[in-house]
Amino acid sequence: MEQTIEKQEEKEGKFDALEVMARLTDTDITTKEICEKWLLITYDIPKSEEGDKARREFLLEAALMGATKHTDSVYLMPWTPDAESIALALAKVGDVCVWTSETTDNLRASEITKSYDAGLKKQMKEITDRIDKMEGYVVAEQFGRALRMNEKTAKMVTHMEDAVLRRGSAILLVQFQLVQARYQQVARAI
């Protein structure tokens, strides 16, 4: 019993610290150890110019939101209005099924959340790689190249911030804030 109380207090302490940090940085975040509400999107889009465009746009938006690819044409992401919006946009072109779910098995929810978090970390790594390239261009005084990379990188940073805040993970928020600070430093140098 004492270990359970200590673990709960430890978890609450982590969340309290995150909430204090969020207030200090004027960040709106609701902390949560695991995601409990999920959106599963399946789609079958026709092979056409319109279908190909819709598929590309969906895949870009889903990736920027941190969606986890379950299988081909099946994506899992936290249940948010943004996730519903991209599903509806895709449904205008093809056959789309949107499944909403609330987790009843905390162990499985933890596994799914870890998979989702891994996807967010992969996106952060991609952003970091882009920042590295931009920084290299700035050092080489190739400001035009750095500037061309900046537009997509800025969009990726904005989407990542939204995804991390929706997720509510203290660890991901700290990691993202480091990436964001580095991006801002490089962007100011362009």
Foldseek 3Di string as FASTA:
>chain_A
DVVVVVVVVVVVVLLVVLVVVCVVVVHDADADLFAFKKKKKAWDFDPDPVSVVLVVVLVVLCLLLLWFDPDVRITMDHDDPSNVVSQVSNVVGGDMDMDMGGDPDVVVRNVVRVRSVVSLVVLLVVLVVLLVVLLVCLVVVVNVVSVVSLVVSVSSLVSSSVNCRHGNHSVSVVSSVVSVVSSVVSVVSD
